[in-house]
Amino acid sequence: MPIYWAFLTYMLLKPGEENHEYWFMFNGIDKIVHISIFAALGFSFIAAFPRIKFSYFFQIILIYAFLTEILQEEMGLGRSMESLDIVADIIGCLLGYYIYKVFKKLYL
């Protein structure tokens, strides 16, 4: 999990690049990416710390989502803060939490 968290931080804070149009790209794909990567983060976080209270889990992920968005804006590297990214991050972490709970119920 620490390696994924470090990789995620790097990817969220690296300088912005000119996006090329590919056949699979559509309007809003960045929100799908945010949901996906935060679902993986939420799943791995709760799997690593299964006894953590939900409120602590949610607060830690929420703080991380806010900090990465604020840092994107403040670093001035071609990235900008978007409130919808934070919403997508929260949805993703809740999705990862829910998926973990379903897997735990089914397989453990």
PDB file of N, CA and C in Angstrom:
ATOM      1  N   MET A   1       0.797  -1.193   0.000  1.00  0.00           N
ATOM      2  CA  MET A   1       0.000   0.000   0.000  1.00  0.00           C
ATOM      3  C   MET A   1       0.850   1.272   0.000  1.00  0.00           C
ATOM      4  N   PRO A   2       1.941   1.352   0.756  1.00  0.00           N
ATOM      5  CA  PRO A   2       2.744   2.582   0.707  1.00  0.00           C
ATOM      6  C   PRO A   2       3.310   2.870  -0.678  1.00  0.00           C
ATOM      7  N   ILE A   3       3.659   1.825  -1.409  1.00  0.00           N
ATOM      8  CA  ILE A   3       4.190   2.018  -2.757  1.00  0.00           C
ATOM      9  C   ILE A   3       3.099   2.578  -3.673  1.00  0.00           C
ATOM     10  N   TYR A   4       1.892   2.025  -3.566  1.00  0.00           N
ATOM     11  CA  TYR A   4       0.787   2.537  -4.375  1.00  0.00           C
ATOM     12  C   TYR A   4       0.478   3.981  -4.005  1.00  0.00           C
ATOM     13  N   TRP A   5       0.502   4.284  -2.720  1.00  0.00           N
ATOM     14  CA  TRP A   5       0.200   5.643  -2.266  1.00  0.00           C
ATOM     15  C   TRP A   5       1.246   6.629  -2.794  1.00  0.00           C
ATOM     16  N   ALA A   6       2.512   6.226  -2.767  1.00  0.00           N
ATOM     17  CA  ALA A   6       3.577   7.083  -3.291  1.00  0.00           C
ATOM     18  C   ALA A   6       3.417   7.273  -4.805  1.00  0.00           C
ATOM     19  N   PHE A   7       3.116   6.187  -5.514  1.00  0.00           N
ATOM     20  CA  PHE A   7       2.899   6.273  -6.963  1.00  0.00           C
ATOM     21  C   PHE A   7       1.717   7.177  -7.280  1.00  0.00           C
ATOM     22  N   LEU A   8       0.637   7.029  -6.536  1.00  0.00           N
ATOM     23  CA  LEU A   8      -0.548   7.843  -6.745  1.00  0.00           C
ATOM     24  C   LEU A   8      -0.247   9.325  -6.512  1.00  0.00           C
ATOM     25  N   THR A   9       0.489   9.619  -5.447  1.00  0.00           N
ATOM     26  CA  THR A   9       0.856  11.002  -5.169  1.00  0.00           C
ATOM     27  C   THR A   9       1.682  11.576  -6.315  1.00  0.00           C
ATOM     28  N   TYR A  10       2.630  10.815  -6.809  1.00  0.00           N
ATOM     29  CA  TYR A  10       3.442  11.274  -7.936  1.00  0.00           C
ATOM     30  C   TYR A  10       2.564  11.548  -9.156  1.00  0.00           C
ATOM     31  N   MET A  11       1.677  10.621  -9.476  1.00  0.00           N
ATOM     32  CA  MET A  11       0.843  10.777 -10.665  1.00  0.00           C
ATOM     33  C   MET A  11      -0.123  11.961 -10.534  1.00  0.00           C
ATOM     34  N   LEU A  12      -0.615  12.206  -9.322  1.00  0.00           N
ATOM     35  CA  LEU A  12      -1.544  13.318  -9.133  1.00  0.00           C
ATOM     36  C   LEU A  12      -0.858  14.668  -9.129  1.00  0.00           C
ATOM     37  N   LEU A  13       0.437  14.698  -8.791  1.00  0.00           N
ATOM     38  CA  LEU A  13       1.135  15.975  -8.675  1.00  0.00           C
ATOM     39  C   LEU A  13       2.144  16.243  -9.784  1.00  0.00           C
ATOM     40  N   LYS A  14       2.341  15.296 -10.698  1.00  0.00           N
ATOM     41  CA  LYS A  14       3.318  15.525 -11.758  1.00  0.00           C
ATOM     42  C   LYS A  14       2.827  16.626 -12.688  1.00  0.00           C
ATOM     43  N   PRO A  15       3.753  17.271 -13.379  1.00  0.00           N
ATOM     44  CA  PRO A  15       3.355  18.370 -14.271  1.00  0.00           C
ATOM     45  C   PRO A  15       2.339  17.920 -15.306  1.00  0.00           C
ATOM     46  N   GLY A  16       1.416  18.815 -15.617  1.00  0.00           N
ATOM     47  CA  GLY A  16       0.406  18.514 -16.616  1.00  0.00           C
ATOM     48  C   GLY A  16       1.021  18.408 -17.993  1.00  0.00           C
ATOM     49  N   GLU A  17       0.434  17.574 -18.811  1.00  0.00           N
ATOM     50  CA  GLU A  17       0.917  17.359 -20.169  1.00  0.00           C
ATOM     51  C   GLU A  17      -0.224  17.615 -21.145  1.00  0.00           C
ATOM     52  N   GLU A  18       0.159  17.899 -22.360  1.00  0.00           N
ATOM     53  CA  GLU A  18      -0.834  18.060 -23.407  1.00  0.00           C
ATOM     54  C   GLU A  18      -1.449  16.695 -23.692  1.00  0.00           C
ATOM     55  N   ASN A  19      -2.752  16.603 -23.557  1.00  0.00           N
ATOM     56  CA  ASN A  19      -3.438  15.337 -23.809  1.00  0.00           C
ATOM     57  C   ASN A  19      -3.605  15.137 -25.303  1.00  0.00           C
ATOM     58  N   HIS A  20      -3.306  13.933 -25.736  1.00  0.00           N
ATOM     59  CA  HIS A  20      -3.545  13.558 -27.121  1.00  0.00           C
ATOM     60  C   HIS A  20      -4.891  12.859 -27.179  1.00  0.00           C
ATOM     61  N   GLU A  21      -5.574  13.040 -28.270  1.00  0.00           N
ATOM     62  CA  GLU A  21      -6.871  12.395 -28.413  1.00  0.00           C
ATOM     63  C   GLU A  21      -6.668  10.962 -28.896  1.00  0.00           C
ATOM     64  N   TYR A  22      -7.241  10.026 -28.170  1.00  0.00           N
ATOM     65  CA  TYR A  22      -7.215   8.621 -28.537  1.00  0.00           C
ATOM     66  C   TYR A  22      -8.654   8.162 -28.737  1.00  0.00           C
ATOM     67  N   TRP A  23      -8.833   7.011 -29.343  1.00  0.00           N
ATOM     68  CA  TRP A  23     -10.165   6.520 -29.650  1.00  0.00           C
ATOM     69  C   TRP A  23     -10.985   6.235 -28.395  1.00  0.00           C
ATOM     70  N   PHE A  24     -10.327   5.925 -27.290  1.00  0.00           N
ATOM     71  CA  PHE A  24     -11.051   5.557 -26.071  1.00  0.00           C
ATOM     72  C   PHE A  24     -11.329   6.755 -25.163  1.00  0.00           C
ATOM     73  N   MET A  25     -10.846   7.930 -25.530  1.00  0.00           N
ATOM     74  CA  MET A  25     -11.043   9.104 -24.679  1.00  0.00           C
ATOM     75  C   MET A  25     -12.403   9.734 -24.939  1.00  0.00           C
ATOM     76  N   PHE A  26     -13.016  10.204 -23.878  1.00  0.00           N
ATOM     77  CA  PHE A  26     -14.292  10.889 -23.967  1.00  0.00           C
ATOM     78  C   PHE A  26     -14.336  11.956 -22.883  1.00  0.00           C
ATOM     79  N   ASN A  27     -15.309  12.827 -22.968  1.00  0.00           N
ATOM     80  CA  ASN A  27     -15.451  13.894 -21.993  1.00  0.00           C
ATOM     81  C   ASN A  27     -15.780  13.283 -20.628  1.00  0.00           C
ATOM     82  N   GLY A  28     -14.969  13.578 -19.632  1.00  0.00           N
ATOM     83  CA  GLY A  28     -15.190  13.048 -18.294  1.00  0.00           C
ATOM     84  C   GLY A  28     -14.356  11.829 -17.954  1.00  0.00           C
ATOM     85  N   ILE A  29     -13.470  11.425 -18.845  1.00  0.00           N
ATOM     86  CA  ILE A  29     -12.642  10.249 -18.572  1.00  0.00           C
ATOM     87  C   ILE A  29     -11.749  10.472 -17.351  1.00  0.00           C
ATOM     88  N   ASP A  30     -11.366  11.720 -17.099  1.00  0.00           N
ATOM     89  CA  ASP A  30     -10.513  11.987 -15.941  1.00  0.00           C
ATOM     90  C   ASP A  30     -11.248  11.677 -14.638  1.00  0.00           C
ATOM     91  N   LYS A  31     -12.562  11.869 -14.608  1.00  0.00           N
ATOM     92  CA  LYS A  31     -13.330  11.542 -13.396  1.00  0.00           C
ATOM     93  C   LYS A  31     -13.381  10.025 -13.194  1.00  0.00           C
ATOM     94  N   ILE A  32     -13.508   9.285 -14.279  1.00  0.00           N
ATOM     95  CA  ILE A  32     -13.494   7.818 -14.201  1.00  0.00           C
ATOM     96  C   ILE A  32     -12.143   7.346 -13.685  1.00  0.00           C
ATOM     97  N   VAL A  33     -11.073   7.980 -14.146  1.00  0.00           N
ATOM     98  CA  VAL A  33      -9.728   7.642 -13.676  1.00  0.00           C
ATOM     99  C   VAL A  33      -9.602   7.947 -12.190  1.00  0.00           C
ATOM    100  N   HIS A  34     -10.093   9.095 -11.747  1.00  0.00           N
ATOM    101  CA  HIS A  34     -10.048   9.440 -10.325  1.00  0.00           C
ATOM    102  C   HIS A  34     -10.817   8.418  -9.488  1.00  0.00           C
ATOM    103  N   ILE A  35     -12.013   8.055  -9.939  1.00  0.00           N
ATOM    104  CA  ILE A  35     -12.797   7.060  -9.203  1.00  0.00           C
ATOM    105  C   ILE A  35     -12.045   5.744  -9.123  1.00  0.00           C
ATOM    106  N   SER A  36     -11.452   5.324 -10.226  1.00  0.00           N
ATOM    107  CA  SER A  36     -10.739   4.041 -10.264  1.00  0.00           C
ATOM    108  C   SER A  36      -9.528   4.010  -9.344  1.00  0.00           C
ATOM    109  N   ILE A  37      -8.703   5.054  -9.404  1.00  0.00           N
ATOM    110  CA  ILE A  37      -7.481   5.019  -8.600  1.00  0.00           C
ATOM    111  C   ILE A  37      -7.784   5.188  -7.115  1.00  0.00           C
ATOM    112  N   PHE A  38      -8.813   5.940  -6.784  1.00  0.00           N
ATOM    113  CA  PHE A  38      -9.173   6.072  -5.375  1.00  0.00           C
ATOM    114  C   PHE A  38      -9.942   4.856  -4.874  1.00  0.00           C
ATOM    115  N   ALA A  39     -10.616   4.134  -5.753  1.00  0.00           N
ATOM    116  CA  ALA A  39     -11.231   2.866  -5.346  1.00  0.00           C
ATOM    117  C   ALA A  39     -10.129   1.868  -4.987  1.00  0.00           C
ATOM    118  N   ALA A  40      -9.073   1.825  -5.795  1.00  0.00           N
ATOM    119  CA  ALA A  40      -7.942   0.945  -5.481  1.00  0.00           C
ATOM    120  C   ALA A  40      -7.267   1.376  -4.178  1.00  0.00           C
ATOM    121  N   LEU A  41      -7.145   2.684  -3.975  1.00  0.00           N
ATOM    122  CA  LEU A  41      -6.548   3.189  -2.738  1.00  0.00           C
ATOM    123  C   LEU A  41      -7.428   2.845  -1.538  1.00  0.00           C
ATOM    124  N   GLY A  42      -8.722   3.082  -1.643  1.00  0.00           N
ATOM    125  CA  GLY A  42      -9.634   2.765  -0.551  1.00  0.00           C
ATOM    126  C   GLY A  42      -9.639   1.287  -0.221  1.00  0.00           C
ATOM    127  N   PHE A  43      -9.648   0.439  -1.256  1.00  0.00           N
ATOM    128  CA  PHE A  43      -9.627  -1.007  -1.052  1.00  0.00           C
ATOM    129  C   PHE A  43      -8.344  -1.437  -0.357  1.00  0.00           C
ATOM    130  N   SER A  44      -7.203  -0.964  -0.856  1.00  0.00           N
ATOM    131  CA  SER A  44      -5.926  -1.391  -0.264  1.00  0.00           C
ATOM    132  C   SER A  44      -5.748  -0.826   1.138  1.00  0.00           C
ATOM    133  N   PHE A  45      -6.253   0.381   1.390  1.00  0.00           N
ATOM    134  CA  PHE A  45      -6.135   0.985   2.711  1.00  0.00           C
ATOM    135  C   PHE A  45      -6.941   0.202   3.746  1.00  0.00           C
ATOM    136  N   ILE A  46      -8.182  -0.130   3.420  1.00  0.00           N
ATOM    137  CA  ILE A  46      -9.007  -0.860   4.382  1.00  0.00           C
ATOM    138  C   ILE A  46      -8.544  -2.315   4.493  1.00  0.00           C
ATOM    139  N   ALA A  47      -7.968  -2.861   3.447  1.00  0.00           N
ATOM    140  CA  ALA A  47      -7.418  -4.217   3.529  1.00  0.00           C
ATOM    141  C   ALA A  47      -6.172  -4.238   4.416  1.00  0.00           C
ATOM    142  N   ALA A  48      -5.379  -3.181   4.378  1.00  0.00           N
ATOM    143  CA  ALA A  48      -4.176  -3.108   5.206  1.00  0.00           C
ATOM    144  C   ALA A  48      -4.513  -2.813   6.662  1.00  0.00           C
ATOM    145  N   PHE A  49      -5.568  -2.056   6.886  1.00  0.00           N
ATOM    146  CA  PHE A  49      -5.979  -1.683   8.246  1.00  0.00           C
ATOM    147  C   PHE A  49      -7.458  -2.013   8.446  1.00  0.00           C
ATOM    148  N   PRO A  50      -7.811  -3.294   8.511  1.00  0.00           N
ATOM    149  CA  PRO A  50      -9.228  -3.673   8.562  1.00  0.00           C
ATOM    150  C   PRO A  50      -9.946  -3.274   9.853  1.00  0.00           C
ATOM    151  N   ARG A  51      -9.217  -2.988  10.907  1.00  0.00           N
ATOM    152  CA  ARG A  51      -9.860  -2.631  12.179  1.00  0.00           C
ATOM    153  C   ARG A  51     -10.059  -1.131  12.362  1.00  0.00           C
ATOM    154  N   ILE A  52      -9.647  -0.346  11.384  1.00  0.00           N
ATOM    155  CA  ILE A  52      -9.793   1.104  11.500  1.00  0.00           C
ATOM    156  C   ILE A  52     -11.281   1.470  11.428  1.00  0.00           C
ATOM    157  N   LYS A  53     -11.673   2.430  12.214  1.00  0.00           N
ATOM    158  CA  LYS A  53     -13.054   2.906  12.171  1.00  0.00           C
ATOM    159  C   LYS A  53     -13.318   3.577  10.833  1.00  0.00           C
ATOM    160  N   PHE A  54     -14.567   3.448  10.375  1.00  0.00           N
ATOM    161  CA  PHE A  54     -14.926   4.042   9.089  1.00  0.00           C
ATOM    162  C   PHE A  54     -14.695   5.547   9.088  1.00  0.00           C
ATOM    163  N   SER A  55     -14.988   6.210  10.194  1.00  0.00           N
ATOM    164  CA  SER A  55     -14.819   7.668  10.246  1.00  0.00           C
ATOM    165  C   SER A  55     -13.358   8.065  10.059  1.00  0.00           C
ATOM    166  N   TYR A  56     -12.425   7.303  10.642  1.00  0.00           N
ATOM    167  CA  TYR A  56     -11.001   7.596  10.467  1.00  0.00           C
ATOM    168  C   TYR A  56     -10.572   7.320   9.027  1.00  0.00           C
ATOM    169  N   PHE A  57     -11.025   6.196   8.508  1.00  0.00           N
ATOM    170  CA  PHE A  57     -10.739   5.843   7.114  1.00  0.00           C
ATOM    171  C   PHE A  57     -11.185   6.973   6.186  1.00  0.00           C
ATOM    172  N   PHE A  58     -12.421   7.413   6.357  1.00  0.00           N
ATOM    173  CA  PHE A  58     -12.979   8.447   5.492  1.00  0.00           C
ATOM    174  C   PHE A  58     -12.239   9.767   5.651  1.00  0.00           C
ATOM    175  N   GLN A  59     -11.904  10.133   6.876  1.00  0.00           N
ATOM    176  CA  GLN A  59     -11.191  11.390   7.115  1.00  0.00           C
ATOM    177  C   GLN A  59      -9.806  11.382   6.475  1.00  0.00           C
ATOM    178  N   ILE A  60      -9.086  10.279   6.600  1.00  0.00           N
ATOM    179  CA  ILE A  60      -7.741  10.188   6.024  1.00  0.00           C
ATOM    180  C   ILE A  60      -7.790  10.308   4.503  1.00  0.00           C
ATOM    181  N   ILE A  61      -8.699   9.586   3.875  1.00  0.00           N
ATOM    182  CA  ILE A  61      -8.817   9.647   2.417  1.00  0.00           C
ATOM    183  C   ILE A  61      -9.285  11.035   1.977  1.00  0.00           C
ATOM    184  N   LEU A  62     -10.215  11.627   2.708  1.00  0.00           N
ATOM    185  CA  LEU A  62     -10.713  12.959   2.369  1.00  0.00           C
ATOM    186  C   LEU A  62      -9.612  14.011   2.471  1.00  0.00           C
ATOM    187  N   ILE A  63      -8.827  13.945   3.530  1.00  0.00           N
ATOM    188  CA  ILE A  63      -7.709  14.885   3.684  1.00  0.00           C
ATOM    189  C   ILE A  63      -6.714  14.712   2.538  1.00  0.00           C
ATOM    190  N   TYR A  64      -6.413  13.457   2.199  1.00  0.00           N
ATOM    191  CA  TYR A  64      -5.488  13.190   1.089  1.00  0.00           C
ATOM    192  C   TYR A  64      -6.029  13.759  -0.228  1.00  0.00           C
ATOM    193  N   ALA A  65      -7.323  13.567  -0.481  1.00  0.00           N
ATOM    194  CA  ALA A  65      -7.924  14.081  -1.717  1.00  0.00           C
ATOM    195  C   ALA A  65      -7.846  15.606  -1.767  1.00  0.00           C
ATOM    196  N   PHE A  66      -8.172  16.264  -0.652  1.00  0.00           N
ATOM    197  CA  PHE A  66      -8.102  17.725  -0.611  1.00  0.00           C
ATOM    198  C   PHE A  66      -6.659  18.213  -0.778  1.00  0.00           C
ATOM    199  N   LEU A  67      -5.731  17.579  -0.084  1.00  0.00           N
ATOM    200  CA  LEU A  67      -4.334  18.021  -0.166  1.00  0.00           C
ATOM    201  C   LEU A  67      -3.773  17.888  -1.579  1.00  0.00           C
ATOM    202  N   THR A  68      -4.059  16.786  -2.254  1.00  0.00           N
ATOM    203  CA  THR A  68      -3.527  16.625  -3.613  1.00  0.00           C
ATOM    204  C   THR A  68      -4.128  17.663  -4.551  1.00  0.00           C
ATOM    205  N   GLU A  69      -5.407  17.974  -4.390  1.00  0.00           N
ATOM    206  CA  GLU A  69      -6.019  18.986  -5.252  1.00  0.00           C
ATOM    207  C   GLU A  69      -5.466  20.380  -4.944  1.00  0.00           C
ATOM    208  N   ILE A  70      -5.288  20.696  -3.681  1.00  0.00           N
ATOM    209  CA  ILE A  70      -4.713  21.998  -3.311  1.00  0.00           C
ATOM    210  C   ILE A  70      -3.282  22.106  -3.822  1.00  0.00           C
ATOM    211  N   LEU A  71      -2.502  21.049  -3.667  1.00  0.00           N
ATOM    212  CA  LEU A  71      -1.119  21.078  -4.141  1.00  0.00           C
ATOM    213  C   LEU A  71      -1.042  21.197  -5.655  1.00  0.00           C
ATOM    214  N   GLN A  72      -1.975  20.581  -6.369  1.00  0.00           N
ATOM    215  CA  GLN A  72      -1.996  20.726  -7.825  1.00  0.00           C
ATOM    216  C   GLN A  72      -2.138  22.200  -8.206  1.00  0.00           C
ATOM    217  N   GLU A  73      -2.998  22.895  -7.504  1.00  0.00           N
ATOM    218  CA  GLU A  73      -3.217  24.319  -7.794  1.00  0.00           C
ATOM    219  C   GLU A  73      -2.008  25.160  -7.397  1.00  0.00           C
ATOM    220  N   GLU A  74      -1.457  24.909  -6.226  1.00  0.00           N
ATOM    221  CA  GLU A  74      -0.392  25.748  -5.675  1.00  0.00           C
ATOM    222  C   GLU A  74       0.961  25.525  -6.337  1.00  0.00           C
ATOM    223  N   MET A  75       1.207  24.327  -6.849  1.00  0.00           N
ATOM    224  CA  MET A  75       2.518  24.038  -7.428  1.00  0.00           C
ATOM    225  C   MET A  75       2.703  24.704  -8.786  1.00  0.00           C
ATOM    226  N   GLY A  76       1.628  25.026  -9.477  1.00  0.00           N
ATOM    227  CA  GLY A  76       1.725  25.736 -10.747  1.00  0.00           C
ATOM    228  C   GLY A  76       2.440  24.959 -11.836  1.00  0.00           C
ATOM    229  N   LEU A  77       2.182  23.670 -11.918  1.00  0.00           N
ATOM    230  CA  LEU A  77       2.851  22.841 -12.918  1.00  0.00           C
ATOM    231  C   LEU A  77       1.894  22.394 -14.023  1.00  0.00           C
ATOM    232  N   GLY A  78       0.904  23.215 -14.303  1.00  0.00           N
ATOM    233  CA  GLY A  78      -0.025  22.882 -15.371  1.00  0.00           C
ATOM    234  C   GLY A  78      -1.222  22.078 -14.905  1.00  0.00           C
ATOM    235  N   ARG A  79      -1.359  21.877 -13.626  1.00  0.00           N
ATOM    236  CA  ARG A  79      -2.514  21.165 -13.076  1.00  0.00           C
ATOM    237  C   ARG A  79      -3.370  22.178 -12.334  1.00  0.00           C
ATOM    238  N   SER A  80      -4.638  21.895 -12.200  1.00  0.00           N
ATOM    239  CA  SER A  80      -5.518  22.823 -11.495  1.00  0.00           C
ATOM    240  C   SER A  80      -6.435  22.065 -10.542  1.00  0.00           C
ATOM    241  N   MET A  81      -6.895  22.787  -9.553  1.00  0.00           N
ATOM    242  CA  MET A  81      -7.799  22.216  -8.561  1.00  0.00           C
ATOM    243  C   MET A  81      -9.212  22.175  -9.131  1.00  0.00           C
ATOM    244  N   GLU A  82      -9.848  21.021  -9.016  1.00  0.00           N
ATOM    245  CA  GLU A  82     -11.229  20.870  -9.465  1.00  0.00           C
ATOM    246  C   GLU A  82     -12.038  20.223  -8.356  1.00  0.00           C
ATOM    247  N   SER A  83     -13.131  20.837  -8.010  1.00  0.00           N
ATOM    248  CA  SER A  83     -13.961  20.290  -6.933  1.00  0.00           C
ATOM    249  C   SER A  83     -14.595  18.960  -7.345  1.00  0.00           C
ATOM    250  N   LEU A  84     -14.879  18.783  -8.630  1.00  0.00           N
ATOM    251  CA  LEU A  84     -15.446  17.510  -9.079  1.00  0.00           C
ATOM    252  C   LEU A  84     -14.442  16.367  -8.964  1.00  0.00           C
ATOM    253  N   ASP A  85     -13.152  16.675  -9.008  1.00  0.00           N
ATOM    254  CA  ASP A  85     -12.141  15.638  -8.773  1.00  0.00           C
ATOM    255  C   ASP A  85     -12.221  15.135  -7.340  1.00  0.00           C
ATOM    256  N   ILE A  86     -12.457  16.041  -6.404  1.00  0.00           N
ATOM    257  CA  ILE A  86     -12.598  15.639  -5.003  1.00  0.00           C
ATOM    258  C   ILE A  86     -13.834  14.759  -4.829  1.00  0.00           C
ATOM    259  N   VAL A  87     -14.914  15.115  -5.496  1.00  0.00           N
ATOM    260  CA  VAL A  87     -16.128  14.295  -5.442  1.00  0.00           C
ATOM    261  C   VAL A  87     -15.854  12.913  -6.020  1.00  0.00           C
ATOM    262  N   ALA A  88     -15.156  12.851  -7.148  1.00  0.00           N
ATOM    263  CA  ALA A  88     -14.811  11.565  -7.756  1.00  0.00           C
ATOM    264  C   ALA A  88     -13.890  10.758  -6.838  1.00  0.00           C
ATOM    265  N   ASP A  89     -12.962  11.432  -6.156  1.00  0.00           N
ATOM    266  CA  ASP A  89     -12.068  10.754  -5.220  1.00  0.00           C
ATOM    267  C   ASP A  89     -12.856  10.138  -4.063  1.00  0.00           C
ATOM    268  N   ILE A  90     -13.812  10.873  -3.543  1.00  0.00           N
ATOM    269  CA  ILE A  90     -14.625  10.376  -2.430  1.00  0.00           C
ATOM    270  C   ILE A  90     -15.477   9.192  -2.879  1.00  0.00           C
ATOM    271  N   ILE A  91     -16.093   9.305  -4.046  1.00  0.00           N
ATOM    272  CA  ILE A  91     -16.880   8.191  -4.572  1.00  0.00           C
ATOM    273  C   ILE A  91     -16.000   6.969  -4.755  1.00  0.00           C
ATOM    274  N   GLY A  92     -14.791   7.174  -5.270  1.00  0.00           N
ATOM    275  CA  GLY A  92     -13.870   6.063  -5.470  1.00  0.00           C
ATOM    276  C   GLY A  92     -13.468   5.391  -4.175  1.00  0.00           C
ATOM    277  N   CYS A  93     -13.143   6.169  -3.154  1.00  0.00           N
ATOM    278  CA  CYS A  93     -12.719   5.553  -1.890  1.00  0.00           C
ATOM    279  C   CYS A  93     -13.879   4.818  -1.231  1.00  0.00           C
ATOM    280  N   LEU A  94     -15.093   5.354  -1.328  1.00  0.00           N
ATOM    281  CA  LEU A  94     -16.256   4.651  -0.781  1.00  0.00           C
ATOM    282  C   LEU A  94     -16.548   3.374  -1.560  1.00  0.00           C
ATOM    283  N   LEU A  95     -16.342   3.413  -2.857  1.00  0.00           N
ATOM    284  CA  LEU A  95     -16.509   2.226  -3.683  1.00  0.00           C
ATOM    285  C   LEU A  95     -15.496   1.148  -3.299  1.00  0.00           C
ATOM    286  N   GLY A  96     -14.239   1.555  -3.102  1.00  0.00           N
ATOM    287  CA  GLY A  96     -13.215   0.601  -2.677  1.00  0.00           C
ATOM    288  C   GLY A  96     -13.528   0.001  -1.322  1.00  0.00           C
ATOM    289  N   TYR A  97     -14.027   0.810  -0.403  1.00  0.00           N
ATOM    290  CA  TYR A  97     -14.419   0.334   0.927  1.00  0.00           C
ATOM    291  C   TYR A  97     -15.550  -0.685   0.812  1.00  0.00           C
ATOM    292  N   TYR A  98     -16.546  -0.360   0.022  1.00  0.00           N
ATOM    293  CA  TYR A  98     -17.686  -1.250  -0.157  1.00  0.00           C
ATOM    294  C   TYR A  98     -17.264  -2.559  -0.819  1.00  0.00           C
ATOM    295  N   ILE A  99     -16.424  -2.490  -1.837  1.00  0.00           N
ATOM    296  CA  ILE A  99     -15.946  -3.706  -2.511  1.00  0.00           C
ATOM    297  C   ILE A  99     -15.189  -4.592  -1.534  1.00  0.00           C
ATOM    298  N   TYR A 100     -14.358  -3.986  -0.679  1.00  0.00           N
ATOM    299  CA  TYR A 100     -13.647  -4.770   0.332  1.00  0.00           C
ATOM    300  C   TYR A 100     -14.628  -5.478   1.260  1.00  0.00           C
ATOM    301  N   LYS A 101     -15.639  -4.767   1.729  1.00  0.00           N
ATOM    302  CA  LYS A 101     -16.612  -5.359   2.645  1.00  0.00           C
ATOM    303  C   LYS A 101     -17.370  -6.501   1.974  1.00  0.00           C
ATOM    304  N   VAL A 102     -17.721  -6.354   0.697  1.00  0.00           N
ATOM    305  CA  VAL A 102     -18.420  -7.416  -0.030  1.00  0.00           C
ATOM    306  C   VAL A 102     -17.503  -8.632  -0.184  1.00  0.00           C
ATOM    307  N   PHE A 103     -16.231  -8.420  -0.588  1.00  0.00           N
ATOM    308  CA  PHE A 103     -15.298  -9.529  -0.715  1.00  0.00           C
ATOM    309  C   PHE A 103     -15.066 -10.225   0.619  1.00  0.00           C
ATOM    310  N   LYS A 104     -14.971  -9.453   1.659  1.00  0.00           N
ATOM    311  CA  LYS A 104     -14.760 -10.026   2.984  1.00  0.00           C
ATOM    312  C   LYS A 104     -15.937 -10.903   3.383  1.00  0.00           C
ATOM    313  N   LYS A 105     -17.142 -10.429   3.109  1.00  0.00           N
ATOM    314  CA  LYS A 105     -18.333 -11.194   3.456  1.00  0.00           C
ATOM    315  C   LYS A 105     -18.432 -12.473   2.621  1.00  0.00           C
ATOM    316  N   LEU A 106     -18.073 -12.401   1.346  1.00  0.00           N
ATOM    317  CA  LEU A 106     -18.197 -13.548   0.460  1.00  0.00           C
ATOM    318  C   LEU A 106     -17.099 -14.584   0.630  1.00  0.00           C
ATOM    319  N   TYR A 107     -15.871 -14.133   0.894  1.00  0.00           N
ATOM    320  CA  TYR A 107     -14.742 -15.055   0.846  1.00  0.00           C
ATOM    321  C   TYR A 107     -14.042 -15.296   2.180  1.00  0.00           C
ATOM    322  N   LEU A 108     -14.387 -14.589   3.216  1.00  0.00           N
ATOM    323  CA  LEU A 108     -13.716 -14.807   4.505  1.00  0.00           C
ATOM    324  C   LEU A 108     -14.666 -15.271   5.561  1.00  0.00           C
TER     325      LEU A 108
END
